Amino acid sequence: MPIDLRSDTVTRPTPAMREAMARAEVGDDVYGEDPTVNALEAEAARLTGKEAALFVPSGTMANQLALRVHTRHGDVVLAGEHSHLLDYESGGGAALSGVQIRTLGRGGFFGGDDVRRAIPPDDPHCAPATLVCLENTHNVSGGRVAPLALVQEVAEAARERGLRLHLDGARLWNAVVASGVPAAAWCAPVDTVAFCLSKGLGAPVGSLLCGSAEAVARALRFRKMLGGGMRQAGILAAAGLHALRHHVERLAEDHANARRLAEGFAALGLAPDPAPETNLVYFRAPDGPALSRALRRRDVWIDALYGDRLRAVTHLDVSKDDVDETIARARDALRELRAA
C-alpha cells in the first residue's frame, strides 16, 4: 500500500466504524424518520452549542447552504484570502447565491478593523456586505488555528455593523484538539458553523451545518433545492457518530506525526512553510512537481500545489512508522533529483 499523504479525506473506515454502519438503525431521512441521522444531528448541535444541525453530503454543500441562508443575491461576503468557499467550491457562491466574495486580511486571517474597513458604504451604488466567513483551521495558511480572541474580535466588529457570521470549520476538531478550546467556545461567536466528518475524523462522507433552528430550517429547504436529500442515510450517519465519539482525541497523534514529518523534511533541506500547528505540512522544494513525481515512484503520494510548494497531510491511516518511512524515501528521492 502506498503512503497516501495527499489529504485527510483519503482515510478508510475502521473495522469498528464499518460495524457501526452495518448495525445502524435507518429510516427515510427526507421524511425526518432516520433515527441515526437524527441522533447525529442532535449530537452535532450539542457539541457546537447550537439549537439544531443538518447532515449534508459534503463540506462544500454546508458552506454553500450557509451562504444561501444568510445572504440575498447581490450581497457582499467578506472572507479571508484563499478561503475554501472562494477558491475550491467551483464558484458556487456566485452561481447559487449570487454573492460577491471580497477578501481581507493576510494569510487567511483577519481582525475586527479589517472587517470595519472592508464594509462598503451605505450607498445605492455599492453592494451591501451582509456576511463574514471565517475558516478554522485555515487550509492554505498551513492548517493554522485562528486564536479565539481574534475570532471574538471579528464577531464584535461584525455585530456592530449588523453582519452575520459563518464558520467554515471543516477541520474544527483539529482546532479543538490543538488549542484545548471546546468546540462550543469556537462556535459561540458565529451564527452558523460547518464541520466535516471525512477530514481527519475518518468517516467516508458527510458534513454538518449547525446553527439556530430557524437557520437550519432554511438550510433544509435549500438542501432539497440542491438535491441533497438522502433516504436511509443512517448508514452514513452512523460512521459520523462513531467518528465524533472515538476519533476526535486521537487527532493529537496526527498533529504529532505532522511535527515529526516537518522536522524530518527540514533536516533534508525541505523547509516547512509554516511550521505545522495541526495535521497539514506545507513545505518548499526547488522543483515541487519533480519531487512529487519522484516520491510517487517510491509509493509516497504528496501533492505539488503551485510553484515550489507542496503539502503533506497526516491522518488516521498514517502511522509514526509511515512518517519515518516517508522521510527515508524522500531522502532517496532527493538524491535522485540532485544526481540528475
C-alpha atoms as a PDB file:
ATOM      1  CA  MET A   1       0.000   0.000   0.000  1.00  0.00           C
ATOM      2  CA  PRO A   2       1.281   3.469  -0.792  1.00  0.00           C
ATOM      3  CA  ILE A   3       1.709   6.054   1.933  1.00  0.00           C
ATOM      4  CA  ASP A   4      -1.006   8.489   0.911  1.00  0.00           C
ATOM      5  CA  LEU A   5      -0.376  11.985   2.285  1.00  0.00           C
ATOM      6  CA  ARG A   6      -2.435  13.925  -0.257  1.00  0.00           C
ATOM      7  CA  SER A   7      -5.264  14.729   2.153  1.00  0.00           C
ATOM      8  CA  ASP A   8      -7.026  13.595   5.320  1.00  0.00           C
ATOM      9  CA  THR A   9     -10.016  12.799   3.097  1.00  0.00           C
ATOM     10  CA  VAL A  10      -8.370   9.581   1.881  1.00  0.00           C
ATOM     11  CA  THR A  11      -8.936   7.674   5.126  1.00  0.00           C
ATOM     12  CA  ARG A  12     -10.836   4.400   5.073  1.00  0.00           C
ATOM     13  CA  PRO A  13     -13.461   3.412   7.652  1.00  0.00           C
ATOM     14  CA  THR A  14     -12.009   1.397  10.509  1.00  0.00           C
ATOM     15  CA  PRO A  15     -13.440  -2.069  11.255  1.00  0.00           C
ATOM     16  CA  ALA A  16     -15.302  -0.644  14.260  1.00  0.00           C
ATOM     17  CA  MET A  17     -16.779   2.108  12.084  1.00  0.00           C
ATOM     18  CA  ARG A  18     -17.862  -0.409   9.463  1.00  0.00           C
ATOM     19  CA  GLU A  19     -19.530  -2.456  12.189  1.00  0.00           C
ATOM     20  CA  ALA A  20     -21.424   0.631  13.415  1.00  0.00           C
ATOM     21  CA  MET A  21     -22.558   1.331   9.852  1.00  0.00           C
ATOM     22  CA  ALA A  22     -23.730  -2.251   9.353  1.00  0.00           C
ATOM     23  CA  ARG A  23     -25.776  -2.154  12.553  1.00  0.00           C
ATOM     24  CA  ALA A  24     -27.260   1.316  12.037  1.00  0.00           C
ATOM     25  CA  GLU A  25     -30.982   1.722  12.521  1.00  0.00           C
ATOM     26  CA  VAL A  26     -32.353   3.544   9.489  1.00  0.00           C
ATOM     27  CA  GLY A  27     -35.461   5.262   8.160  1.00  0.00           C
ATOM     28  CA  ASP A  28     -36.286   7.780   5.454  1.00  0.00           C
ATOM     29  CA  ASP A  29     -34.384  10.960   6.296  1.00  0.00           C
ATOM     30  CA  VAL A  30     -36.298  13.089   3.785  1.00  0.00           C
ATOM     31  CA  TYR A  31     -39.336  12.404   5.977  1.00  0.00           C
ATOM     32  CA  GLY A  32     -37.212  13.104   9.057  1.00  0.00           C
ATOM     33  CA  GLU A  33     -37.557   9.466  10.102  1.00  0.00           C
ATOM     34  CA  ASP A  34     -33.991   8.188  10.159  1.00  0.00           C
ATOM     35  CA  PRO A  35     -33.164   7.779  13.870  1.00  0.00           C
ATOM     36  CA  THR A  36     -29.408   7.604  13.332  1.00  0.00           C
ATOM     37  CA  VAL A  37     -29.343  10.798  11.268  1.00  0.00           C
ATOM     38  CA  ASN A  38     -31.470  12.467  13.939  1.00  0.00           C
ATOM     39  CA  ALA A  39     -29.055  11.296  16.629  1.00  0.00           C
ATOM     40  CA  LEU A  40     -26.059  12.606  14.677  1.00  0.00           C
ATOM     41  CA  GLU A  41     -27.688  15.993  14.151  1.00  0.00           C
ATOM     42  CA  ALA A  42     -28.583  16.232  17.843  1.00  0.00           C
ATOM     43  CA  GLU A  43     -25.021  15.336  18.846  1.00  0.00           C
ATOM     44  CA  ALA A  44     -23.540  17.902  16.451  1.00  0.00           C
ATOM     45  CA  ALA A  45     -25.839  20.615  17.780  1.00  0.00           C
ATOM     46  CA  ARG A  46     -24.933  19.738  21.370  1.00  0.00           C
ATOM     47  CA  LEU A  47     -21.183  19.750  20.729  1.00  0.00           C
ATOM     48  CA  THR A  48     -21.254  23.092  18.909  1.00  0.00           C
ATOM     49  CA  GLY A  49     -23.691  24.713  21.351  1.00  0.00           C
ATOM     50  CA  LYS A  50     -26.273  25.391  18.639  1.00  0.00           C
ATOM     51  CA  GLU A  51     -30.016  24.759  18.527  1.00  0.00           C
ATOM     52  CA  ALA A  52     -30.023  22.462  15.523  1.00  0.00           C
ATOM     53  CA  ALA A  53     -27.896  20.773  12.887  1.00  0.00           C
ATOM     54  CA  LEU A  54     -28.332  19.407   9.376  1.00  0.00           C
ATOM     55  CA  PHE A  55     -26.487  16.405   7.891  1.00  0.00           C
ATOM     56  CA  VAL A  56     -25.302  17.078   4.332  1.00  0.00           C
ATOM     57  CA  PRO A  57     -23.146  15.134   1.858  1.00  0.00           C
ATOM     58  CA  SER A  58     -20.161  17.499   1.826  1.00  0.00           C
ATOM     59  CA  GLY A  59     -18.461  20.487   3.393  1.00  0.00           C
ATOM     60  CA  THR A  60     -18.892  22.408   0.159  1.00  0.00           C
ATOM     61  CA  MET A  61     -22.658  21.944   0.355  1.00  0.00           C
ATOM     62  CA  ALA A  62     -22.642  23.002   4.011  1.00  0.00           C
ATOM     63  CA  ASN A  63     -20.791  26.222   3.176  1.00  0.00           C
ATOM     64  CA  GLN A  64     -22.984  26.953   0.183  1.00  0.00           C
ATOM     65  CA  LEU A  65     -26.123  26.415   2.251  1.00  0.00           C
ATOM     66  CA  ALA A  66     -24.801  28.889   4.796  1.00  0.00           C
ATOM     67  CA  LEU A  67     -24.255  31.491   2.065  1.00  0.00           C
ATOM     68  CA  ARG A  68     -27.795  30.910   0.790  1.00  0.00           C
ATOM     69  CA  VAL A  69     -29.295  31.146   4.282  1.00  0.00           C
ATOM     70  CA  HIS A  70     -27.544  34.378   5.271  1.00  0.00           C
ATOM     71  CA  THR A  71     -27.463  36.423   2.053  1.00  0.00           C
ATOM     72  CA  ARG A  72     -29.501  37.851  -0.791  1.00  0.00           C
ATOM     73  CA  HIS A  73     -28.482  37.998  -4.438  1.00  0.00           C
ATOM     74  CA  GLY A  74     -26.089  40.886  -4.967  1.00  0.00           C
ATOM     75  CA  ASP A  75     -24.722  40.910  -1.409  1.00  0.00           C
ATOM     76  CA  VAL A  76     -21.039  41.012  -0.489  1.00  0.00           C
ATOM     77  CA  VAL A  77     -19.489  38.261   1.632  1.00  0.00           C
ATOM     78  CA  LEU A  78     -16.251  39.064   3.473  1.00  0.00           C
ATOM     79  CA  ALA A  79     -13.746  36.212   3.791  1.00  0.00           C
ATOM     80  CA  GLY A  80     -10.025  35.644   4.255  1.00  0.00           C
ATOM     81  CA  GLU A  81      -7.500  35.149   1.477  1.00  0.00           C
ATOM     82  CA  HIS A  82      -7.654  31.749  -0.199  1.00  0.00           C
ATOM     83  CA  SER A  83     -10.824  30.760   1.637  1.00  0.00           C
ATOM     84  CA  HIS A  84     -12.131  27.351   0.672  1.00  0.00           C
ATOM     85  CA  LEU A  85     -15.523  28.817  -0.249  1.00  0.00           C
ATOM     86  CA  LEU A  86     -13.810  31.167  -2.704  1.00  0.00           C
ATOM     87  CA  ASP A  87     -11.008  29.054  -4.180  1.00  0.00           C
ATOM     88  CA  TYR A  88     -12.295  25.472  -4.006  1.00  0.00           C
ATOM     89  CA  GLU A  89     -16.080  25.454  -4.360  1.00  0.00           C
ATOM     90  CA  SER A  90     -16.366  25.901  -8.123  1.00  0.00           C
ATOM     91  CA  GLY A  91     -17.763  29.429  -7.962  1.00  0.00           C
ATOM     92  CA  GLY A  92     -20.787  28.232  -6.015  1.00  0.00           C
ATOM     93  CA  GLY A  93     -21.254  31.495  -4.136  1.00  0.00           C
ATOM     94  CA  ALA A  94     -21.790  33.409  -7.362  1.00  0.00           C
ATOM     95  CA  ALA A  95     -23.703  30.682  -9.192  1.00  0.00           C
ATOM     96  CA  LEU A  96     -26.029  29.554  -6.405  1.00  0.00           C
ATOM     97  CA  SER A  97     -26.440  32.580  -4.150  1.00  0.00           C
ATOM     98  CA  GLY A  98     -25.493  35.455  -6.452  1.00  0.00           C
ATOM     99  CA  VAL A  99     -22.987  36.891  -3.991  1.00  0.00           C
ATOM    100  CA  GLN A 100     -19.638  38.596  -4.407  1.00  0.00           C
ATOM    101  CA  ILE A 101     -16.812  37.444  -2.152  1.00  0.00           C
ATOM    102  CA  ARG A 102     -14.365  40.124  -1.054  1.00  0.00           C
ATOM    103  CA  THR A 103     -11.134  39.014   0.624  1.00  0.00           C
ATOM    104  CA  LEU A 104      -9.491  40.790   3.514  1.00  0.00           C
ATOM    105  CA  GLY A 105      -6.527  40.340   5.855  1.00  0.00           C
ATOM    106  CA  ARG A 106      -3.406  38.313   5.107  1.00  0.00           C
ATOM    107  CA  GLY A 107      -2.742  34.583   5.086  1.00  0.00           C
ATOM    108  CA  GLY A 108      -6.372  33.658   5.657  1.00  0.00           C
ATOM    109  CA  PHE A 109      -6.756  35.529   8.951  1.00  0.00           C
ATOM    110  CA  PHE A 110      -8.121  38.998   9.632  1.00  0.00           C
ATOM    111  CA  GLY A 111      -9.193  41.150  12.553  1.00  0.00           C
ATOM    112  CA  GLY A 112     -12.020  43.432  13.559  1.00  0.00           C
ATOM    113  CA  ASP A 113     -10.503  46.521  11.963  1.00  0.00           C
ATOM    114  CA  ASP A 114     -10.117  44.628   8.684  1.00  0.00           C
ATOM    115  CA  VAL A 115     -13.862  43.935   8.763  1.00  0.00           C
ATOM    116  CA  ARG A 116     -14.727  47.555   9.521  1.00  0.00           C
ATOM    117  CA  ARG A 117     -12.546  48.819   6.656  1.00  0.00           C
ATOM    118  CA  ALA A 118     -13.952  46.303   4.177  1.00  0.00           C
ATOM    119  CA  ILE A 119     -17.629  47.072   4.698  1.00  0.00           C
ATOM    120  CA  PRO A 120     -18.898  49.108   1.722  1.00  0.00           C
ATOM    121  CA  PRO A 121     -20.574  52.461   2.416  1.00  0.00           C
ATOM    122  CA  ASP A 122     -24.343  52.638   2.760  1.00  0.00           C
ATOM    123  CA  ASP A 123     -24.817  53.901  -0.754  1.00  0.00           C
ATOM    124  CA  PRO A 124     -27.115  52.678  -3.561  1.00  0.00           C
ATOM    125  CA  HIS A 125     -24.073  52.394  -5.833  1.00  0.00           C
ATOM    126  CA  CYS A 126     -22.469  49.808  -3.540  1.00  0.00           C
ATOM    127  CA  ALA A 127     -23.444  46.209  -2.864  1.00  0.00           C
ATOM    128  CA  PRO A 128     -24.149  45.690   0.856  1.00  0.00           C
ATOM    129  CA  ALA A 129     -21.981  43.386   2.946  1.00  0.00           C
ATOM    130  CA  THR A 130     -24.145  41.027   4.985  1.00  0.00           C
ATOM    131  CA  LEU A 131     -21.951  38.076   5.970  1.00  0.00           C
ATOM    132  CA  VAL A 132     -18.456  37.430   7.313  1.00  0.00           C
ATOM    133  CA  CYS A 133     -16.972  33.961   6.779  1.00  0.00           C
ATOM    134  CA  LEU A 134     -14.162  32.578   8.936  1.00  0.00           C
ATOM    135  CA  GLU A 135     -12.142  29.410   8.339  1.00  0.00           C
ATOM    136  CA  ASN A 136     -10.620  27.465  11.230  1.00  0.00           C
ATOM    137  CA  THR A 137      -8.276  25.727  10.828  1.00  0.00           C
ATOM    138  CA  HIS A 138      -7.239  27.563   7.686  1.00  0.00           C
ATOM    139  CA  ASN A 139      -6.166  25.204   4.923  1.00  0.00           C
ATOM    140  CA  VAL A 140      -3.896  27.241   2.654  1.00  0.00           C
ATOM    141  CA  SER A 141      -2.229  29.019   5.585  1.00  0.00           C
ATOM    142  CA  GLY A 142      -0.870  25.641   6.689  1.00  0.00           C
ATOM    143  CA  GLY A 143      -3.591  24.355   8.986  1.00  0.00           C
ATOM    144  CA  ARG A 144      -3.086  27.203  11.422  1.00  0.00           C
ATOM    145  CA  VAL A 145      -5.545  27.781  14.252  1.00  0.00           C
ATOM    146  CA  ALA A 146      -7.064  31.258  14.407  1.00  0.00           C
ATOM    147  CA  PRO A 147      -6.783  32.485  18.018  1.00  0.00           C
ATOM    148  CA  LEU A 148     -10.125  32.529  19.818  1.00  0.00           C
ATOM    149  CA  ALA A 149      -9.571  36.167  20.776  1.00  0.00           C
ATOM    150  CA  LEU A 150      -9.262  37.042  17.079  1.00  0.00           C
ATOM    151  CA  VAL A 151     -12.497  35.211  16.259  1.00  0.00           C
ATOM    152  CA  GLN A 152     -14.256  37.112  19.037  1.00  0.00           C
ATOM    153  CA  GLU A 153     -12.809  40.406  17.789  1.00  0.00           C
ATOM    154  CA  VAL A 154     -14.111  39.745  14.273  1.00  0.00           C
ATOM    155  CA  ALA A 155     -17.503  38.800  15.691  1.00  0.00           C
ATOM    156  CA  GLU A 156     -17.682  42.029  17.668  1.00  0.00           C
ATOM    157  CA  ALA A 157     -16.928  44.115  14.580  1.00  0.00           C
ATOM    158  CA  ALA A 158     -19.493  42.200  12.533  1.00  0.00           C
ATOM    159  CA  ARG A 159     -22.192  42.642  15.177  1.00  0.00           C
ATOM    160  CA  GLU A 160     -21.514  46.374  15.343  1.00  0.00           C
ATOM    161  CA  ARG A 161     -22.422  46.638  11.671  1.00  0.00           C
ATOM    162  CA  GLY A 162     -25.279  44.123  11.668  1.00  0.00           C
ATOM    163  CA  LEU A 163     -23.416  41.407   9.739  1.00  0.00           C
ATOM    164  CA  ARG A 164     -23.922  37.691  10.314  1.00  0.00           C
ATOM    165  CA  LEU A 165     -21.063  35.198  10.727  1.00  0.00           C
ATOM    166  CA  HIS A 166     -20.397  31.728   9.356  1.00  0.00           C
ATOM    167  CA  LEU A 167     -17.501  29.499  10.391  1.00  0.00           C
ATOM    168  CA  ASP A 168     -16.096  27.038   7.866  1.00  0.00           C
ATOM    169  CA  GLY A 169     -14.845  24.582  10.460  1.00  0.00           C
ATOM    170  CA  ALA A 170     -14.074  21.746   8.067  1.00  0.00           C
ATOM    171  CA  ARG A 171     -11.196  20.876  10.402  1.00  0.00           C
ATOM    172  CA  LEU A 172     -12.806  22.339  13.526  1.00  0.00           C
ATOM    173  CA  TRP A 173     -11.861  19.293  15.591  1.00  0.00           C
ATOM    174  CA  ASN A 174      -8.185  19.778  14.766  1.00  0.00           C
ATOM    175  CA  ALA A 175      -8.509  23.303  16.153  1.00  0.00           C
ATOM    176  CA  VAL A 176     -10.238  21.931  19.272  1.00  0.00           C
ATOM    177  CA  VAL A 177      -7.516  19.369  19.945  1.00  0.00           C
ATOM    178  CA  ALA A 178      -4.615  21.708  19.129  1.00  0.00           C
ATOM    179  CA  SER A 179      -5.920  24.550  21.295  1.00  0.00           C
ATOM    180  CA  GLY A 180      -7.740  22.735  24.088  1.00  0.00           C
ATOM    181  CA  VAL A 181     -10.682  25.087  23.492  1.00  0.00           C
ATOM    182  CA  PRO A 182     -14.053  23.246  23.302  1.00  0.00           C
ATOM    183  CA  ALA A 183     -15.984  23.315  20.059  1.00  0.00           C
ATOM    184  CA  ALA A 184     -18.852  25.250  21.646  1.00  0.00           C
ATOM    185  CA  ALA A 185     -16.476  28.087  22.561  1.00  0.00           C
ATOM    186  CA  TRP A 186     -15.196  28.336  18.979  1.00  0.00           C
ATOM    187  CA  CYS A 187     -18.782  28.338  17.699  1.00  0.00           C
ATOM    188  CA  ALA A 188     -20.348  30.713  20.238  1.00  0.00           C
ATOM    189  CA  PRO A 189     -19.470  33.936  18.332  1.00  0.00           C
ATOM    190  CA  VAL A 190     -20.900  32.734  14.984  1.00  0.00           C
ATOM    191  CA  ASP A 191     -24.406  32.225  13.604  1.00  0.00           C
ATOM    192  CA  THR A 192     -23.628  29.008  11.728  1.00  0.00           C
ATOM    193  CA  VAL A 193     -20.762  26.549  11.634  1.00  0.00           C
ATOM    194  CA  ALA A 194     -19.961  23.729   9.247  1.00  0.00           C
ATOM    195  CA  PHE A 195     -17.666  20.844  10.119  1.00  0.00           C
ATOM    196  CA  CYS A 196     -16.509  17.836   8.140  1.00  0.00           C
ATOM    197  CA  LEU A 197     -16.702  14.196   9.201  1.00  0.00           C
ATOM    198  CA  SER A 198     -14.394  12.910   6.460  1.00  0.00           C
ATOM    199  CA  LYS A 199     -11.428  15.236   7.044  1.00  0.00           C
ATOM    200  CA  GLY A 200      -9.357  13.796   9.846  1.00  0.00           C
ATOM    201  CA  LEU A 201     -12.235  12.081  11.630  1.00  0.00           C
ATOM    202  CA  GLY A 202     -12.187   9.160   9.208  1.00  0.00           C
ATOM    203  CA  ALA A 203     -15.835   8.919   8.156  1.00  0.00           C
ATOM    204  CA  PRO A 204     -16.408   8.082   4.479  1.00  0.00           C
ATOM    205  CA  VAL A 205     -18.731  11.010   3.737  1.00  0.00           C
ATOM    206  CA  GLY A 206     -20.640  13.903   5.257  1.00  0.00           C
ATOM    207  CA  SER A 207     -20.623  17.258   6.997  1.00  0.00           C
ATOM    208  CA  LEU A 208     -22.874  19.069   9.459  1.00  0.00           C
ATOM    209  CA  LEU A 209     -24.235  22.599   9.294  1.00  0.00           C
ATOM    210  CA  CYS A 210     -25.152  23.836  12.766  1.00  0.00           C
ATOM    211  CA  GLY A 211     -26.985  26.976  13.848  1.00  0.00           C
ATOM    212  CA  SER A 212     -30.309  28.294  15.102  1.00  0.00           C
ATOM    213  CA  ALA A 213     -33.449  26.275  14.489  1.00  0.00           C
ATOM    214  CA  GLU A 214     -34.578  28.932  12.015  1.00  0.00           C
ATOM    215  CA  ALA A 215     -31.295  28.899  10.063  1.00  0.00           C
ATOM    216  CA  VAL A 216     -31.258  25.110   9.876  1.00  0.00           C
ATOM    217  CA  ALA A 217     -34.893  25.014   8.716  1.00  0.00           C
ATOM    218  CA  ARG A 218     -33.995  27.386   5.876  1.00  0.00           C
ATOM    219  CA  ALA A 219     -30.926  25.282   5.071  1.00  0.00           C
ATOM    220  CA  LEU A 220     -33.107  22.158   4.886  1.00  0.00           C
ATOM    221  CA  ARG A 221     -35.249  23.800   2.211  1.00  0.00           C
ATOM    222  CA  PHE A 222     -32.165  24.809   0.219  1.00  0.00           C
ATOM    223  CA  ARG A 223     -30.635  21.346   0.675  1.00  0.00           C
ATOM    224  CA  LYS A 224     -33.720  19.951  -1.035  1.00  0.00           C
ATOM    225  CA  MET A 225     -33.377  22.552  -3.798  1.00  0.00           C
ATOM    226  CA  LEU A 226     -29.763  21.480  -4.402  1.00  0.00           C
ATOM    227  CA  GLY A 227     -30.652  17.789  -4.473  1.00  0.00           C
ATOM    228  CA  GLY A 228     -29.038  16.983  -1.141  1.00  0.00           C
ATOM    229  CA  GLY A 229     -31.885  14.948   0.343  1.00  0.00           C
ATOM    230  CA  MET A 230     -30.831  11.447   1.390  1.00  0.00           C
ATOM    231  CA  ARG A 231     -33.043   8.492   2.270  1.00  0.00           C
ATOM    232  CA  GLN A 232     -31.715   5.699   4.518  1.00  0.00           C
ATOM    233  CA  ALA A 233     -28.735   7.860   5.360  1.00  0.00           C
ATOM    234  CA  GLY A 234     -28.344   6.403   8.840  1.00  0.00           C
ATOM    235  CA  ILE A 235     -25.740   4.037   7.401  1.00  0.00           C
ATOM    236  CA  LEU A 236     -23.593   7.112   6.723  1.00  0.00           C
ATOM    237  CA  ALA A 237     -24.628   8.966   9.872  1.00  0.00           C
ATOM    238  CA  ALA A 238     -23.519   6.001  11.981  1.00  0.00           C
ATOM    239  CA  ALA A 239     -19.995   6.492  10.677  1.00  0.00           C
ATOM    240  CA  GLY A 240     -20.181  10.149  11.676  1.00  0.00           C
ATOM    241  CA  LEU A 241     -21.403   9.332  15.183  1.00  0.00           C
ATOM    242  CA  HIS A 242     -18.608   6.811  15.599  1.00  0.00           C
ATOM    243  CA  ALA A 243     -16.074   9.380  14.404  1.00  0.00           C
ATOM    244  CA  LEU A 244     -17.259  12.044  16.854  1.00  0.00           C
ATOM    245  CA  ARG A 245     -17.200   9.585  19.746  1.00  0.00           C
ATOM    246  CA  HIS A 246     -13.927   7.796  19.003  1.00  0.00           C
ATOM    247  CA  HIS A 247     -11.739   9.774  16.583  1.00  0.00           C
ATOM    248  CA  VAL A 248     -11.508  13.298  17.986  1.00  0.00           C
ATOM    249  CA  GLU A 249      -8.946  12.900  20.773  1.00  0.00           C
ATOM    250  CA  ARG A 250      -6.709  10.790  18.549  1.00  0.00           C
ATOM    251  CA  LEU A 251      -6.198  13.807  16.257  1.00  0.00           C
ATOM    252  CA  ALA A 252      -3.341  14.675  18.646  1.00  0.00           C
ATOM    253  CA  GLU A 253      -1.466  11.714  17.089  1.00  0.00           C
ATOM    254  CA  ASP A 254      -1.860  13.253  13.632  1.00  0.00           C
ATOM    255  CA  HIS A 255      -0.532  16.571  14.933  1.00  0.00           C
ATOM    256  CA  ALA A 256       2.485  14.866  16.495  1.00  0.00           C
ATOM    257  CA  ASN A 257       3.132  12.965  13.263  1.00  0.00           C
ATOM    258  CA  ALA A 258       2.925  16.204  11.287  1.00  0.00           C
ATOM    259  CA  ARG A 259       5.565  17.806  13.509  1.00  0.00           C
ATOM    260  CA  ARG A 260       7.772  14.720  13.151  1.00  0.00           C
ATOM    261  CA  LEU A 261       7.376  14.799   9.377  1.00  0.00           C
ATOM    262  CA  ALA A 262       8.169  18.537   9.225  1.00  0.00           C
ATOM    263  CA  GLU A 263      11.306  18.057  11.325  1.00  0.00           C
ATOM    264  CA  GLY A 264      12.442  15.210   9.097  1.00  0.00           C
ATOM    265  CA  PHE A 265      11.837  17.208   5.942  1.00  0.00           C
ATOM    266  CA  ALA A 266      13.653  20.214   7.411  1.00  0.00           C
ATOM    267  CA  ALA A 267      16.707  18.030   8.043  1.00  0.00           C
ATOM    268  CA  LEU A 268      16.645  17.192   4.315  1.00  0.00           C
ATOM    269  CA  GLY A 269      16.565  20.862   3.366  1.00  0.00           C
ATOM    270  CA  LEU A 270      12.820  20.962   2.704  1.00  0.00           C
ATOM    271  CA  ALA A 271      11.792  23.942   4.781  1.00  0.00           C
ATOM    272  CA  PRO A 272       8.325  23.775   6.394  1.00  0.00           C
ATOM    273  CA  ASP A 273       6.226  26.798   5.422  1.00  0.00           C
ATOM    274  CA  PRO A 274       4.926  27.408   8.067  1.00  0.00           C
ATOM    275  CA  ALA A 275       5.747  25.092  10.976  1.00  0.00           C
ATOM    276  CA  PRO A 276       2.690  22.838  11.381  1.00  0.00           C
ATOM    277  CA  GLU A 277       0.197  23.557  14.135  1.00  0.00           C
ATOM    278  CA  THR A 278      -2.144  20.707  13.265  1.00  0.00           C
ATOM    279  CA  ASN A 279      -2.018  17.956  10.620  1.00  0.00           C
ATOM    280  CA  LEU A 280      -1.060  19.930   7.499  1.00  0.00           C
ATOM    281  CA  VAL A 281       2.602  20.115   6.492  1.00  0.00           C
ATOM    282  CA  TYR A 282       3.411  22.669   3.804  1.00  0.00           C
ATOM    283  CA  PHE A 283       6.989  22.761   2.581  1.00  0.00           C
ATOM    284  CA  ARG A 284       9.064  24.003  -0.303  1.00  0.00           C
ATOM    285  CA  ALA A 285      11.351  22.267  -2.788  1.00  0.00           C
ATOM    286  CA  PRO A 286      13.277  23.768  -5.734  1.00  0.00           C
ATOM    287  CA  ASP A 287      11.126  21.758  -8.167  1.00  0.00           C
ATOM    288  CA  GLY A 288       7.952  20.692  -6.393  1.00  0.00           C
ATOM    289  CA  PRO A 289       6.364  18.716  -9.252  1.00  0.00           C
ATOM    290  CA  ALA A 290       9.602  16.776  -9.876  1.00  0.00           C
ATOM    291  CA  LEU A 291       9.855  15.856  -6.188  1.00  0.00           C
ATOM    292  CA  SER A 292       6.200  14.814  -6.138  1.00  0.00           C
ATOM    293  CA  ARG A 293       6.791  12.537  -9.130  1.00  0.00           C
ATOM    294  CA  ALA A 294       9.951  11.067  -7.589  1.00  0.00           C
ATOM    295  CA  LEU A 295       8.073  10.326  -4.372  1.00  0.00           C
ATOM    296  CA  ARG A 296       5.171   8.779  -6.290  1.00  0.00           C
ATOM    297  CA  ARG A 297       7.645   6.355  -7.895  1.00  0.00           C
ATOM    298  CA  ARG A 298       8.509   5.351  -4.317  1.00  0.00           C
ATOM    299  CA  ASP A 299       4.844   4.908  -3.333  1.00  0.00           C
ATOM    300  CA  VAL A 300       4.614   8.135  -1.354  1.00  0.00           C
ATOM    301  CA  TRP A 301       1.769  10.338  -2.558  1.00  0.00           C
ATOM    302  CA  ILE A 302       2.208  14.061  -1.879  1.00  0.00           C
ATOM    303  CA  ASP A 303       0.599  16.786  -3.951  1.00  0.00           C
ATOM    304  CA  ALA A 304       2.590  19.582  -5.562  1.00  0.00           C
ATOM    305  CA  LEU A 305       0.430  22.687  -5.264  1.00  0.00           C
ATOM    306  CA  TYR A 306       1.964  25.619  -7.135  1.00  0.00           C
ATOM    307  CA  GLY A 307       5.482  26.839  -7.701  1.00  0.00           C
ATOM    308  CA  ASP A 308       7.816  25.187  -5.227  1.00  0.00           C
ATOM    309  CA  ARG A 309       5.166  24.496  -2.573  1.00  0.00           C
ATOM    310  CA  LEU A 310       3.945  21.012  -1.604  1.00  0.00           C
ATOM    311  CA  ARG A 311       1.537  19.701   1.028  1.00  0.00           C
ATOM    312  CA  ALA A 312       1.560  16.523   3.079  1.00  0.00           C
ATOM    313  CA  VAL A 313      -1.340  15.667   5.393  1.00  0.00           C
ATOM    314  CA  THR A 314      -1.195  13.238   8.308  1.00  0.00           C
ATOM    315  CA  HIS A 315      -4.342  11.320   9.203  1.00  0.00           C
ATOM    316  CA  LEU A 316      -5.919   8.203  10.648  1.00  0.00           C
ATOM    317  CA  ASP A 317      -4.233   5.860   8.148  1.00  0.00           C
ATOM    318  CA  VAL A 318      -0.709   7.279   8.621  1.00  0.00           C
ATOM    319  CA  SER A 319       1.358   5.871  11.479  1.00  0.00           C
ATOM    320  CA  LYS A 320       4.582   7.082  13.061  1.00  0.00           C
ATOM    321  CA  ASP A 321       6.395   4.333  11.136  1.00  0.00           C
ATOM    322  CA  ASP A 322       4.833   5.619   7.909  1.00  0.00           C
ATOM    323  CA  VAL A 323       6.197   9.074   8.708  1.00  0.00           C
ATOM    324  CA  ASP A 324       9.706   7.710   9.242  1.00  0.00           C
ATOM    325  CA  GLU A 325       9.461   5.702   6.031  1.00  0.00           C
ATOM    326  CA  THR A 326       8.296   8.798   4.149  1.00  0.00           C
ATOM    327  CA  ILE A 327      11.331  10.733   5.348  1.00  0.00           C
ATOM    328  CA  ALA A 328      13.633   7.907   4.256  1.00  0.00           C
ATOM    329  CA  ARG A 329      12.052   7.706   0.807  1.00  0.00           C
ATOM    330  CA  ALA A 330      12.181  11.500   0.473  1.00  0.00           C
ATOM    331  CA  ARG A 331      15.918  11.356   1.194  1.00  0.00           C
ATOM    332  CA  ASP A 332      16.302   8.801  -1.598  1.00  0.00           C
ATOM    333  CA  ALA A 333      14.149  10.868  -3.986  1.00  0.00           C
ATOM    334  CA  LEU A 334      16.205  13.986  -3.338  1.00  0.00           C
ATOM    335  CA  ARG A 335      19.438  12.091  -4.046  1.00  0.00           C
ATOM    336  CA  GLU A 336      17.993  11.017  -7.408  1.00  0.00           C
ATOM    337  CA  LEU A 337      16.958  14.548  -8.321  1.00  0.00           C
ATOM    338  CA  ARG A 338      20.268  16.078  -7.297  1.00  0.00           C
ATOM    339  CA  ALA A 339      22.181  13.493  -9.309  1.00  0.00           C
ATOM    340  CA  ALA A 340      20.133  14.111 -12.447  1.00  0.00           C
END
